[in-house]
Amino acid sequence: MALENSVFPSRPDSLSLPVEEKGEGGEEEVEVATEATASTGVFNLSEELGHVVTTETAPPPPTAPKVKRSFQSKLAEREATANQHRKKTPGAEKERGRFGWARSRRKRQRYVEKNGRCNVQHGNMRETYRYLTDIFTTLVDLNWRCSLFVFVMAYAVTWLFFGAIWYLIAYCRGDLDHLEDETWTPCVNNVNGFISAFLFSIETETTIGYGHRVITDQCPVGTMLLLLQAILGSMVNAFMVGCMFVKISQPNKRAETLVFSKHAVISLRDDKLCLMFRVGDLRSSHIVGANMRAKLIKSKQTQEGEFIPLDQTDISVGFETGDDRLFLVSPLVISHEIDIRSPFWDMSQAQLEKEDFEIVVILEGMVEATGMTCQARSSYLAEEVQWGHRFSPMMSLAEGFFDIDYGAFHHTFEVDTPSCSARELSLATARLEAHLYWSISSRLDEEPTLANQAAKQPDGGSANGKGGGPTFIVGEMTEIQEQSGLGELNGSVTTDQSESEA
């Protein structure tokens, strides 16, 4: 105890449990004490001090009576406890980072929005004067607030400009000093200030002509200004009215009634993997000469190490066969066959979940009502492509017409689809066809050999066998010979084809 007090002088008595001297049942008491301290806190055993030092956080619970168990039962319980901690709920597993931390997948920035707007902004443009060289297109491309502001300011500025000139002419000629003199002939009658000159400018440019203010023949300068204002006013009218007409008649809003499905799907069509999406027209007036295109937007790196951001790859939607030209009366499912020329040739379902790309679809056509070209756009990210799905049918036959249910336009349902890539599916199909071909050709080669062996047998053997195998073979010899002749002919042709393919 002296040694204990010298080493731990400030240790309270509650942190030390004296150990009884070993005797009968001493080992059991030490074991019970150890289990109690292990369940309540951290303990350190010191043989020199002869004490078990513990840190108690709560009063020890009552110990249950010890049950003797075998080593296998204890090991099984330990493995079950360990496996219970390792279990995770399905679907909750996330991508892990470098140090094992959960990391959510970064959402890709769209190149083209779902409504067709291109998500691109031009910056650091120093040659802004190029916009003024095509001022008409610049004004048409402005938004409506800016367009209305320019429209109003164009007329207001010209009216104010020519009104100031008319006022200046009246001031220089002295018309404002002879307002009460009836013998004085002014340049413009009844112009007595800037406001009246401004009103005369508006009447002249808009050809209103109220008759109260009128130019006289004693002012040649006013006559030249009147001609100039009439010509410039006509030009301003033509320019601004033309801009507003083109802006109003733009077919951009026509694209609002051309809809694309929210998701694209990949499933089998005629035993081939196909990428499909749906397009429809909500209006009764149709799009004339509708044409469909698709682009794959994906960054890549060349063999020389050059990085190409947002590289565009063409996706065939029937250009070779003419299927890209649509008769868009009812919603259509556009299909892209994933073949060896497709950028999705080596893509499986597991790889699709890891890919980062964007599919841009473009529908072009001429508006039937106005004759102007219209373009509608949309896009699909990698997570918006559903593997093993197919679009729900929308059309039903009613009494005298076909009924289209646009409520099912975006609906899809799951179908049985292999999760392998199109390349692997093509190789598996080729192996199956080759296996069938060689199995059939080998059987055709074996049948003439069996027929020859049966022909060489003596007749006595066939007489002795009643209803046995020799009688069956001889009876089938004629059919076997006929089939073997055809089989050899077909086999030779297919063998030549296989040799040429090899």
Protein backbone atom coordinates (compact mmCIF):
# COMPACT_ATOMS: atom_id res chain seq x y z
CA MET A 1 0.00 0.00 0.00
CA ALA A 2 2.92 2.30 0.54
CA LEU A 3 4.07 1.73 -2.99
CA GLU A 4 0.56 2.34 -4.24
CA ASN A 5 0.18 5.64 -2.43
CA SER A 6 3.57 6.82 -3.62
CA VAL A 7 2.79 6.15 -7.25
CA PHE A 8 -0.86 7.33 -7.24
CA PRO A 9 -1.15 9.77 -4.37
CA SER A 10 -4.29 11.48 -5.70
CA ARG A 11 -6.14 8.41 -6.91
CA PRO A 12 -9.56 8.13 -5.27
CA ASP A 13 -10.60 4.97 -3.59
CA SER A 14 -13.47 4.44 -6.00
CA LEU A 15 -11.03 3.79 -8.85
CA SER A 16 -9.35 0.82 -7.18
CA LEU A 17 -10.75 -2.58 -6.68
CA PRO A 18 -8.79 -4.73 -4.21
CA VAL A 19 -8.06 -8.22 -5.32
CA GLU A 20 -8.61 -10.93 -2.78
CA GLU A 21 -5.92 -13.44 -2.10
CA LYS A 22 -6.06 -16.44 -4.33
CA GLY A 23 -7.66 -19.37 -2.78
CA GLU A 24 -10.50 -21.62 -3.60
CA GLY A 25 -12.60 -19.84 -6.16
CA GLY A 26 -10.10 -17.00 -6.48
CA GLU A 27 -9.84 -17.32 -10.20
CA GLU A 28 -13.61 -17.04 -10.59
CA GLU A 29 -13.70 -13.78 -8.58
CA VAL A 30 -10.94 -12.23 -10.67
CA GLU A 31 -12.78 -13.23 -13.84
CA VAL A 32 -16.06 -11.69 -12.64
CA ALA A 33 -14.30 -8.49 -11.64
CA THR A 34 -12.57 -8.27 -15.01
CA GLU A 35 -15.83 -8.74 -16.93
CA ALA A 36 -17.55 -6.07 -14.82
CA THR A 37 -14.80 -3.53 -15.38
CA ALA A 38 -14.61 -4.31 -19.09
CA SER A 39 -18.31 -3.56 -19.46
CA THR A 40 -18.10 -0.24 -17.59
CA GLY A 41 -14.84 1.36 -18.67
CA VAL A 42 -11.16 1.02 -19.45
CA PHE A 43 -9.04 -0.95 -17.09
CA ASN A 44 -5.31 -1.43 -16.51
CA LEU A 45 -3.97 -4.40 -14.64
CA SER A 46 -0.83 -3.87 -12.59
CA GLU A 47 0.72 -6.97 -11.06
CA GLU A 48 3.20 -4.90 -9.13
CA LEU A 49 0.45 -2.90 -7.44
CA GLY A 50 -1.88 -5.85 -7.18
CA HIS A 51 -4.87 -3.70 -8.15
CA VAL A 52 -7.18 -3.39 -11.13
CA VAL A 53 -7.50 0.34 -11.95
CA THR A 54 -10.75 1.21 -13.67
CA THR A 55 -12.61 4.34 -14.84
CA GLU A 56 -16.25 3.95 -14.01
CA THR A 57 -18.82 5.88 -16.03
CA ALA A 58 -21.90 4.30 -14.49
CA PRO A 59 -22.68 1.84 -11.77
CA PRO A 60 -22.02 -1.67 -13.01
CA PRO A 61 -25.12 -3.50 -14.15
CA PRO A 62 -26.00 -6.77 -12.52
CA THR A 63 -24.00 -9.56 -14.08
CA ALA A 64 -25.90 -12.38 -15.66
CA PRO A 65 -25.00 -15.90 -14.68
CA LYS A 66 -22.23 -17.25 -16.87
CA VAL A 67 -23.21 -19.93 -19.33
CA LYS A 68 -20.62 -22.32 -20.57
CA ARG A 69 -20.46 -22.28 -24.38
CA SER A 70 -18.25 -24.09 -26.83
CA PHE A 71 -15.56 -22.39 -28.88
CA GLN A 72 -17.50 -22.85 -32.14
CA SER A 73 -20.58 -21.12 -30.76
CA LYS A 74 -18.51 -18.15 -29.59
CA LEU A 75 -16.79 -17.91 -32.99
CA ALA A 76 -20.13 -18.07 -34.84
CA GLU A 77 -21.57 -15.33 -32.63
CA ARG A 78 -18.54 -13.14 -33.25
CA GLU A 79 -18.80 -13.58 -37.03
CA ALA A 80 -22.54 -12.82 -36.95
CA THR A 81 -21.90 -9.61 -35.00
CA ALA A 82 -19.18 -8.55 -37.43
CA ASN A 83 -21.36 -9.25 -40.47
CA GLN A 84 -24.24 -7.32 -38.94
CA HIS A 85 -22.10 -4.17 -38.79
CA ARG A 86 -20.98 -4.66 -42.38
CA LYS A 87 -24.49 -4.85 -43.78
CA LYS A 88 -25.69 -1.81 -45.73
CA THR A 89 -29.04 -0.94 -47.11
CA PRO A 90 -29.34 -1.55 -50.87
CA GLY A 91 -29.02 1.57 -52.98
CA ALA A 92 -27.46 3.63 -50.17
CA GLU A 93 -23.88 2.89 -51.23
CA LYS A 94 -22.20 5.92 -52.72
CA GLU A 95 -19.03 6.41 -54.64
CA ARG A 96 -16.05 6.56 -52.30
CA GLY A 97 -13.24 9.05 -52.60
CA ARG A 98 -9.55 8.59 -52.04
CA PHE A 99 -9.80 8.37 -48.25
CA GLY A 100 -13.05 6.41 -48.18
CA TRP A 101 -15.35 9.40 -47.76
CA ALA A 102 -18.72 9.34 -49.47
CA ARG A 103 -18.74 11.39 -52.65
CA SER A 104 -21.81 12.22 -54.70
CA ARG A 105 -21.65 12.16 -58.47
CA ARG A 106 -21.05 15.58 -59.99
CA LYS A 107 -23.92 16.74 -62.16
CA ARG A 108 -22.86 17.48 -65.70
CA GLN A 109 -23.31 20.98 -67.04
CA ARG A 110 -25.69 20.88 -69.98
CA TYR A 111 -24.53 22.07 -73.38
CA VAL A 112 -28.14 22.39 -74.58
CA GLU A 113 -30.99 22.81 -72.12
CA LYS A 114 -34.14 20.71 -72.27
CA ASN A 115 -36.05 23.65 -73.73
CA GLY A 116 -33.51 23.99 -76.56
CA ARG A 117 -31.57 26.98 -75.27
CA CYS A 118 -27.82 26.69 -75.86
CA ASN A 119 -25.98 27.15 -72.58
CA VAL A 120 -23.06 29.09 -74.10
CA GLN A 121 -21.99 32.66 -73.35
CA HIS A 122 -19.46 34.56 -75.46
CA GLY A 123 -16.96 36.66 -73.55
CA ASN A 124 -13.92 38.84 -74.16
CA MET A 125 -15.11 39.87 -77.61
CA ARG A 126 -13.05 42.83 -78.80
CA GLU A 127 -14.42 43.20 -82.32
CA THR A 128 -17.83 44.44 -81.28
CA TYR A 129 -18.05 46.68 -84.34
CA ARG A 130 -19.02 43.63 -86.36
CA TYR A 131 -22.47 43.79 -84.78
CA LEU A 132 -23.02 47.21 -86.33
CA THR A 133 -22.21 45.95 -89.81
CA ASP A 134 -25.39 43.83 -89.61
CA ILE A 135 -27.56 46.19 -87.62
CA PHE A 136 -30.79 44.66 -88.85
CA THR A 137 -29.97 41.18 -87.48
CA THR A 138 -28.65 42.78 -84.31
CA LEU A 139 -31.95 44.55 -83.71
CA VAL A 140 -33.93 41.40 -84.47
CA ASP A 141 -31.86 39.36 -82.00
CA LEU A 142 -32.49 41.82 -79.16
CA ASN A 143 -35.00 40.93 -76.49
CA TRP A 144 -38.41 42.55 -76.53
CA ARG A 145 -37.64 45.23 -73.98
CA CYS A 146 -34.62 46.45 -75.88
CA SER A 147 -36.46 46.21 -79.19
CA LEU A 148 -39.36 48.33 -77.95
CA PHE A 149 -36.94 50.83 -76.45
CA VAL A 150 -35.06 51.18 -79.76
CA PHE A 151 -38.36 51.42 -81.65
CA VAL A 152 -39.62 54.29 -79.49
CA MET A 153 -36.30 56.10 -79.39
CA ALA A 154 -35.87 55.94 -83.18
CA TYR A 155 -39.09 57.89 -83.76
CA ALA A 156 -38.63 60.23 -80.79
CA VAL A 157 -35.10 61.21 -81.79
CA THR A 158 -36.05 61.95 -85.41
CA TRP A 159 -39.05 64.01 -84.31
CA LEU A 160 -36.99 65.99 -81.83
CA PHE A 161 -34.15 66.45 -84.33
CA PHE A 162 -36.29 67.87 -87.14
CA GLY A 163 -38.41 69.84 -84.65
CA ALA A 164 -35.24 71.57 -83.44
CA ILE A 165 -34.27 72.37 -87.04
CA TRP A 166 -37.72 73.84 -87.77
CA TYR A 167 -37.45 75.95 -84.63
CA LEU A 168 -33.95 77.09 -85.63
CA ILE A 169 -35.18 78.16 -89.08
CA ALA A 170 -38.02 80.16 -87.55
CA TYR A 171 -35.64 81.78 -85.06
CA CYS A 172 -33.02 82.68 -87.71
CA ARG A 173 -35.58 84.19 -90.11
CA GLY A 174 -37.14 86.29 -87.34
CA ASP A 175 -40.53 84.62 -87.49
CA LEU A 176 -40.70 84.54 -83.69
CA ASP A 177 -40.28 88.35 -83.56
CA HIS A 178 -43.16 89.06 -85.96
CA LEU A 179 -45.88 86.90 -84.44
CA GLU A 180 -48.36 89.81 -84.24
CA ASP A 181 -47.40 91.30 -87.63
CA GLU A 182 -50.03 90.24 -90.18
CA THR A 183 -47.97 91.52 -93.10
CA TRP A 184 -45.04 89.17 -92.28
CA THR A 185 -44.88 85.87 -94.17
CA PRO A 186 -43.23 83.22 -91.96
CA CYS A 187 -41.60 79.98 -93.14
CA VAL A 188 -44.22 77.90 -91.35
CA ASN A 189 -47.50 79.39 -90.31
CA ASN A 190 -48.52 79.23 -86.63
CA VAL A 191 -45.07 78.18 -85.34
CA ASN A 192 -44.53 80.35 -82.27
CA GLY A 193 -42.11 78.22 -80.23
CA PHE A 194 -40.28 74.92 -79.87
CA ILE A 195 -43.42 72.98 -78.96
CA SER A 196 -45.26 74.09 -82.09
CA ALA A 197 -42.16 73.29 -84.18
CA PHE A 198 -41.99 69.83 -82.59
CA LEU A 199 -45.68 69.19 -83.38
CA PHE A 200 -45.15 70.30 -86.99
CA SER A 201 -42.25 67.82 -87.23
CA ILE A 202 -44.52 64.98 -86.04
CA GLU A 203 -47.28 65.97 -88.52
CA THR A 204 -44.78 66.08 -91.36
CA GLU A 205 -43.11 62.72 -90.68
CA THR A 206 -46.28 60.84 -89.95
CA THR A 207 -48.22 62.62 -92.77
CA ILE A 208 -51.05 63.50 -90.40
CA GLY A 209 -51.65 67.01 -91.77
CA TYR A 210 -54.10 68.76 -89.42
CA GLY A 211 -54.04 71.89 -91.63
CA HIS A 212 -53.29 74.46 -88.91
CA ARG A 213 -49.50 74.54 -89.40
CA VAL A 214 -48.37 74.63 -93.01
CA ILE A 215 -45.20 75.62 -94.84
CA THR A 216 -45.28 78.64 -97.15
CA ASP A 217 -43.66 79.22 -100.53
CA GLN A 218 -41.46 82.03 -99.18
CA CYS A 219 -39.02 79.61 -97.50
CA PRO A 220 -36.82 77.53 -99.89
CA VAL A 221 -34.79 76.19 -96.94
CA GLY A 222 -37.97 74.86 -95.36
CA THR A 223 -38.96 73.19 -98.64
CA MET A 224 -35.63 71.29 -98.77
CA LEU A 225 -35.97 70.28 -95.11
CA LEU A 226 -39.50 69.04 -95.75
CA LEU A 227 -38.29 66.76 -98.57
CA LEU A 228 -35.40 65.48 -96.43
CA GLN A 229 -37.65 64.70 -93.47
CA ALA A 230 -40.18 62.89 -95.66
CA ILE A 231 -37.47 60.68 -97.17
CA LEU A 232 -35.73 59.92 -93.87
CA GLY A 233 -39.06 59.35 -92.15
CA SER A 234 -40.00 56.75 -94.76
CA MET A 235 -36.66 54.99 -94.24
CA VAL A 236 -37.10 54.93 -90.47
CA ASN A 237 -40.62 53.57 -90.86
CA ALA A 238 -39.50 50.82 -93.23
CA PHE A 239 -36.55 49.82 -91.04
CA MET A 240 -38.31 49.76 -87.71
CA VAL A 241 -41.56 48.24 -88.95
CA GLY A 242 -39.55 45.59 -90.80
CA CYS A 243 -37.61 44.72 -87.64
CA MET A 244 -40.78 44.41 -85.61
CA PHE A 245 -42.50 42.32 -88.27
CA VAL A 246 -39.59 39.88 -88.54
CA LYS A 247 -39.35 39.66 -84.77
CA ILE A 248 -43.07 38.96 -84.41
CA SER A 249 -43.12 36.37 -87.21
CA GLN A 250 -40.07 34.46 -85.97
CA PRO A 251 -40.85 30.71 -85.71
CA ASN A 252 -39.12 30.38 -82.34
CA LYS A 253 -42.43 30.04 -80.53
CA ARG A 254 -43.51 27.35 -82.99
CA ALA A 255 -40.85 25.14 -81.46
CA GLU A 256 -42.69 25.32 -78.12
CA THR A 257 -45.31 22.92 -79.50
CA LEU A 258 -42.68 20.43 -80.69
CA VAL A 259 -42.04 18.15 -77.71
CA PHE A 260 -39.40 15.56 -76.94
CA SER A 261 -39.58 12.76 -74.39
CA LYS A 262 -37.97 13.37 -71.01
CA HIS A 263 -35.85 10.22 -71.26
CA ALA A 264 -34.19 8.19 -73.97
CA VAL A 265 -34.28 4.38 -73.77
CA ILE A 266 -32.09 1.50 -74.90
CA SER A 267 -33.70 -1.84 -75.68
CA LEU A 268 -33.82 -4.56 -78.32
CA ARG A 269 -35.43 -4.00 -81.71
CA ASP A 270 -35.24 -6.86 -84.19
CA ASP A 271 -32.61 -8.54 -81.98
CA LYS A 272 -30.39 -5.42 -82.06
CA LEU A 273 -29.75 -2.84 -79.37
CA CYS A 274 -31.24 0.54 -80.28
CA LEU A 275 -31.19 3.98 -78.69
CA MET A 276 -34.66 5.51 -78.95
CA PHE A 277 -36.43 8.74 -78.04
CA ARG A 278 -39.87 10.11 -78.87
CA VAL A 279 -40.88 13.34 -80.63
CA GLY A 280 -44.34 14.81 -81.24
CA ASP A 281 -46.17 17.87 -82.56
CA LEU A 282 -49.00 19.33 -80.49
CA ARG A 283 -50.48 21.48 -83.27
CA SER A 284 -52.86 20.44 -86.01
CA SER A 285 -50.83 22.39 -88.60
CA HIS A 286 -47.95 20.16 -89.53
CA ILE A 287 -44.24 20.68 -90.01
CA VAL A 288 -43.42 20.32 -93.71
CA GLY A 289 -40.23 18.47 -94.61
CA ALA A 290 -39.35 17.54 -91.01
CA ASN A 291 -35.78 16.31 -90.64
CA MET A 292 -34.18 14.77 -87.54
CA ARG A 293 -30.51 14.90 -86.51
CA ALA A 294 -28.63 13.80 -83.39
CA LYS A 295 -25.19 14.63 -82.00
CA LEU A 296 -23.11 13.10 -79.22
CA ILE A 297 -21.35 15.76 -77.12
CA LYS A 298 -18.42 14.26 -75.25
CA SER A 299 -14.90 15.40 -74.48
CA LYS A 300 -12.09 13.19 -75.71
CA GLN A 301 -8.34 13.01 -75.93
CA THR A 302 -6.52 12.09 -79.13
CA GLN A 303 -3.64 9.67 -79.44
CA GLU A 304 -1.27 12.61 -79.66
CA GLY A 305 -2.47 13.91 -76.28
CA GLU A 306 -4.67 16.72 -77.57
CA PHE A 307 -7.75 17.31 -75.44
CA ILE A 308 -10.89 18.19 -77.40
CA PRO A 309 -13.63 19.58 -75.13
CA LEU A 310 -17.23 18.93 -76.14
CA ASP A 311 -16.36 16.99 -79.26
CA GLN A 312 -19.36 16.45 -81.55
CA THR A 313 -19.98 13.02 -83.08
CA ASP A 314 -22.81 12.34 -85.48
CA ILE A 315 -25.42 9.77 -84.42
CA SER A 316 -27.18 8.15 -87.35
CA VAL A 317 -30.97 8.15 -87.10
CA GLY A 318 -31.64 6.77 -90.58
CA PHE A 319 -29.79 9.09 -92.96
CA GLU A 320 -28.74 6.21 -95.22
CA THR A 321 -32.24 4.75 -95.45
CA GLY A 322 -34.18 8.03 -95.40
CA ASP A 323 -35.77 7.35 -92.01
CA ASP A 324 -34.55 10.74 -90.78
CA ARG A 325 -37.19 12.46 -92.94
CA LEU A 326 -40.34 12.41 -90.86
CA PHE A 327 -44.04 12.68 -91.56
CA LEU A 328 -44.83 14.17 -88.18
CA VAL A 329 -48.60 13.76 -87.98
CA SER A 330 -48.53 11.64 -84.82
CA PRO A 331 -45.77 11.10 -82.23
CA LEU A 332 -42.89 9.01 -83.56
CA VAL A 333 -40.16 7.00 -81.86
CA ILE A 334 -36.80 7.85 -83.41
CA SER A 335 -34.43 4.87 -83.36
CA HIS A 336 -30.65 4.72 -83.62
CA GLU A 337 -29.31 1.23 -84.26
CA ILE A 338 -26.17 0.59 -82.22
CA ASP A 339 -23.89 -1.00 -84.79
CA ILE A 340 -20.14 -0.97 -85.39
CA ARG A 341 -20.29 2.65 -86.61
CA SER A 342 -22.18 3.83 -83.53
CA PRO A 343 -20.32 5.60 -80.70
CA PHE A 344 -22.20 3.31 -78.27
CA TRP A 345 -20.85 0.09 -79.81
CA ASP A 346 -18.72 -0.82 -76.77
CA MET A 347 -21.03 0.61 -74.10
CA SER A 348 -22.75 -1.76 -71.67
CA GLN A 349 -25.28 -1.02 -68.96
CA ALA A 350 -22.61 -0.86 -66.26
CA GLN A 351 -20.47 1.46 -68.36
CA LEU A 352 -23.46 3.69 -69.15
CA GLU A 353 -23.85 4.50 -65.45
CA LYS A 354 -20.24 5.73 -65.37
CA GLU A 355 -20.21 7.66 -68.65
CA ASP A 356 -20.40 11.43 -68.92
CA PHE A 357 -21.89 12.58 -72.22
CA GLU A 358 -24.82 14.47 -73.71
CA ILE A 359 -27.02 13.60 -76.69
CA VAL A 360 -28.38 16.64 -78.56
CA VAL A 361 -31.38 16.01 -80.83
CA ILE A 362 -32.43 18.57 -83.47
CA LEU A 363 -35.71 18.66 -85.38
CA GLU A 364 -35.89 20.98 -88.39
CA GLY A 365 -38.76 21.73 -90.73
CA MET A 366 -40.85 24.39 -92.39
CA VAL A 367 -43.91 25.85 -90.70
CA GLU A 368 -46.95 25.10 -92.81
CA ALA A 369 -48.74 28.37 -91.95
CA THR A 370 -45.88 30.85 -92.59
CA GLY A 371 -43.40 28.91 -94.73
CA MET A 372 -40.50 29.80 -92.42
CA THR A 373 -37.93 27.30 -91.20
CA CYS A 374 -38.31 26.14 -87.61
CA GLN A 375 -35.82 24.29 -85.40
CA ALA A 376 -36.53 22.54 -82.11
CA ARG A 377 -33.76 21.19 -79.86
CA SER A 378 -33.42 19.10 -76.73
CA SER A 379 -30.78 16.99 -75.00
CA TYR A 380 -30.33 13.87 -72.87
CA LEU A 381 -27.62 13.35 -70.28
CA ALA A 382 -26.19 9.94 -69.46
CA GLU A 383 -28.44 9.56 -66.41
CA GLU A 384 -31.47 10.35 -68.58
CA VAL A 385 -30.88 7.29 -70.78
CA GLN A 386 -32.80 4.31 -69.38
CA TRP A 387 -31.38 0.89 -70.18
CA GLY A 388 -33.92 -1.89 -70.67
CA HIS A 389 -36.97 0.33 -71.15
CA ARG A 390 -39.45 0.87 -73.94
CA PHE A 391 -41.97 3.63 -74.65
CA SER A 392 -45.61 2.99 -73.84
CA PRO A 393 -48.03 3.00 -76.79
CA MET A 394 -50.09 6.14 -77.27
CA MET A 395 -52.30 5.49 -80.30
CA SER A 396 -55.66 3.76 -80.21
CA LEU A 397 -58.26 3.23 -82.90
CA ALA A 398 -61.47 5.15 -82.24
CA GLU A 399 -64.62 5.35 -84.32
CA GLY A 400 -63.52 6.94 -87.58
CA PHE A 401 -60.14 8.30 -86.41
CA PHE A 402 -56.94 7.53 -84.49
CA ASP A 403 -56.85 8.78 -80.93
CA ILE A 404 -53.51 10.00 -79.51
CA ASP A 405 -53.13 9.98 -75.72
CA TYR A 406 -50.42 12.51 -74.88
CA GLY A 407 -50.68 11.54 -71.23
CA ALA A 408 -48.47 8.53 -72.03
CA PHE A 409 -45.96 10.52 -74.09
CA HIS A 410 -43.17 10.29 -71.48
CA HIS A 411 -44.14 6.90 -70.01
CA THR A 412 -41.80 3.93 -70.33
CA PHE A 413 -41.85 0.36 -69.05
CA GLU A 414 -39.15 -2.22 -68.43
CA VAL A 415 -38.44 -5.03 -70.90
CA ASP A 416 -35.97 -7.90 -70.96
CA THR A 417 -32.74 -6.47 -72.36
CA PRO A 418 -29.20 -7.92 -72.14
CA SER A 419 -26.89 -5.78 -70.06
CA CYS A 420 -23.88 -6.40 -72.30
CA SER A 421 -22.68 -4.07 -75.03
CA ALA A 422 -23.73 -4.32 -78.66
CA ARG A 423 -20.31 -5.72 -79.57
CA GLU A 424 -20.61 -8.52 -77.03
CA LEU A 425 -24.16 -9.24 -78.15
CA SER A 426 -23.04 -9.43 -81.78
CA LEU A 427 -20.17 -11.81 -80.91
CA ALA A 428 -22.50 -14.06 -78.92
CA THR A 429 -24.96 -14.18 -81.82
CA ALA A 430 -22.14 -14.99 -84.25
CA ARG A 431 -20.90 -17.80 -82.02
CA LEU A 432 -24.38 -19.27 -81.78
CA GLU A 433 -24.87 -19.16 -85.55
CA ALA A 434 -21.45 -20.72 -86.13
CA HIS A 435 -22.22 -23.48 -83.64
CA LEU A 436 -25.50 -24.28 -85.37
CA TYR A 437 -23.86 -24.26 -88.80
CA TRP A 438 -21.02 -26.61 -87.86
CA SER A 439 -23.34 -28.95 -85.95
CA ILE A 440 -25.66 -29.27 -88.96
CA SER A 441 -22.82 -29.70 -91.46
CA SER A 442 -21.13 -32.37 -89.29
CA ARG A 443 -24.37 -34.34 -89.13
CA LEU A 444 -24.76 -34.15 -92.89
CA ASP A 445 -21.20 -35.43 -93.32
CA GLU A 446 -21.80 -38.35 -90.95
CA GLU A 447 -25.01 -39.58 -92.62
CA PRO A 448 -23.37 -40.77 -95.92
CA THR A 449 -20.80 -42.74 -93.90
CA LEU A 450 -23.53 -44.57 -91.99
CA ALA A 451 -25.36 -45.32 -95.22
CA ASN A 452 -22.24 -46.79 -96.84
CA GLN A 453 -21.59 -49.00 -93.82
CA ALA A 454 -25.15 -50.30 -93.93
CA ALA A 455 -24.87 -51.06 -97.67
CA LYS A 456 -21.72 -53.17 -97.15
CA GLN A 457 -23.45 -55.47 -94.65
CA PRO A 458 -24.55 -58.89 -96.10
CA ASP A 459 -28.19 -59.50 -96.90
CA GLY A 460 -28.30 -62.36 -94.43
CA GLY A 461 -27.79 -59.98 -91.61
CA SER A 462 -30.86 -58.06 -92.59
CA ALA A 463 -32.85 -61.30 -92.97
CA ASN A 464 -31.85 -62.56 -89.55
CA GLY A 465 -32.76 -59.31 -87.84
CA LYS A 466 -36.50 -59.03 -87.47
CA GLY A 467 -37.58 -55.48 -86.77
CA GLY A 468 -34.04 -54.61 -85.64
CA GLY A 469 -31.56 -51.89 -86.41
CA PRO A 470 -30.34 -53.14 -89.83
CA THR A 471 -33.86 -53.14 -91.22
CA PHE A 472 -34.37 -49.53 -90.02
CA ILE A 473 -31.08 -48.36 -91.58
CA VAL A 474 -31.73 -50.04 -94.93
CA GLY A 475 -35.22 -48.65 -95.11
CA GLU A 476 -33.85 -45.13 -94.46
CA MET A 477 -30.99 -45.37 -96.92
CA THR A 478 -32.87 -43.72 -99.78
CA GLU A 479 -33.84 -40.70 -97.70
CA ILE A 480 -30.37 -40.41 -96.23
CA GLN A 481 -28.79 -40.46 -99.68
CA GLU A 482 -31.16 -37.77 -100.94
CA GLN A 483 -30.55 -35.59 -97.90
CA SER A 484 -26.82 -36.17 -98.05
CA GLY A 485 -26.67 -34.99 -101.64
CA LEU A 486 -28.45 -31.77 -100.78
CA GLY A 487 -26.40 -31.43 -97.61
CA GLU A 488 -23.14 -31.78 -99.47
CA LEU A 489 -24.22 -29.13 -101.95
CA ASN A 490 -25.33 -26.71 -99.28
CA GLY A 491 -22.34 -27.54 -97.13
CA SER A 492 -19.94 -26.78 -99.93
CA VAL A 493 -21.53 -23.41 -100.57
CA THR A 494 -21.54 -22.37 -96.92
CA THR A 495 -17.98 -23.64 -96.48
CA ASP A 496 -16.84 -21.45 -99.34
CA GLN A 497 -18.61 -18.51 -97.76
CA SER A 498 -17.04 -19.18 -94.37
CA GLU A 499 -13.59 -19.50 -95.96
CA SER A 500 -14.07 -16.20 -97.79
CA GLU A 501 -15.18 -14.52 -94.53
CA ALA A 502 -12.14 -15.94 -92.72
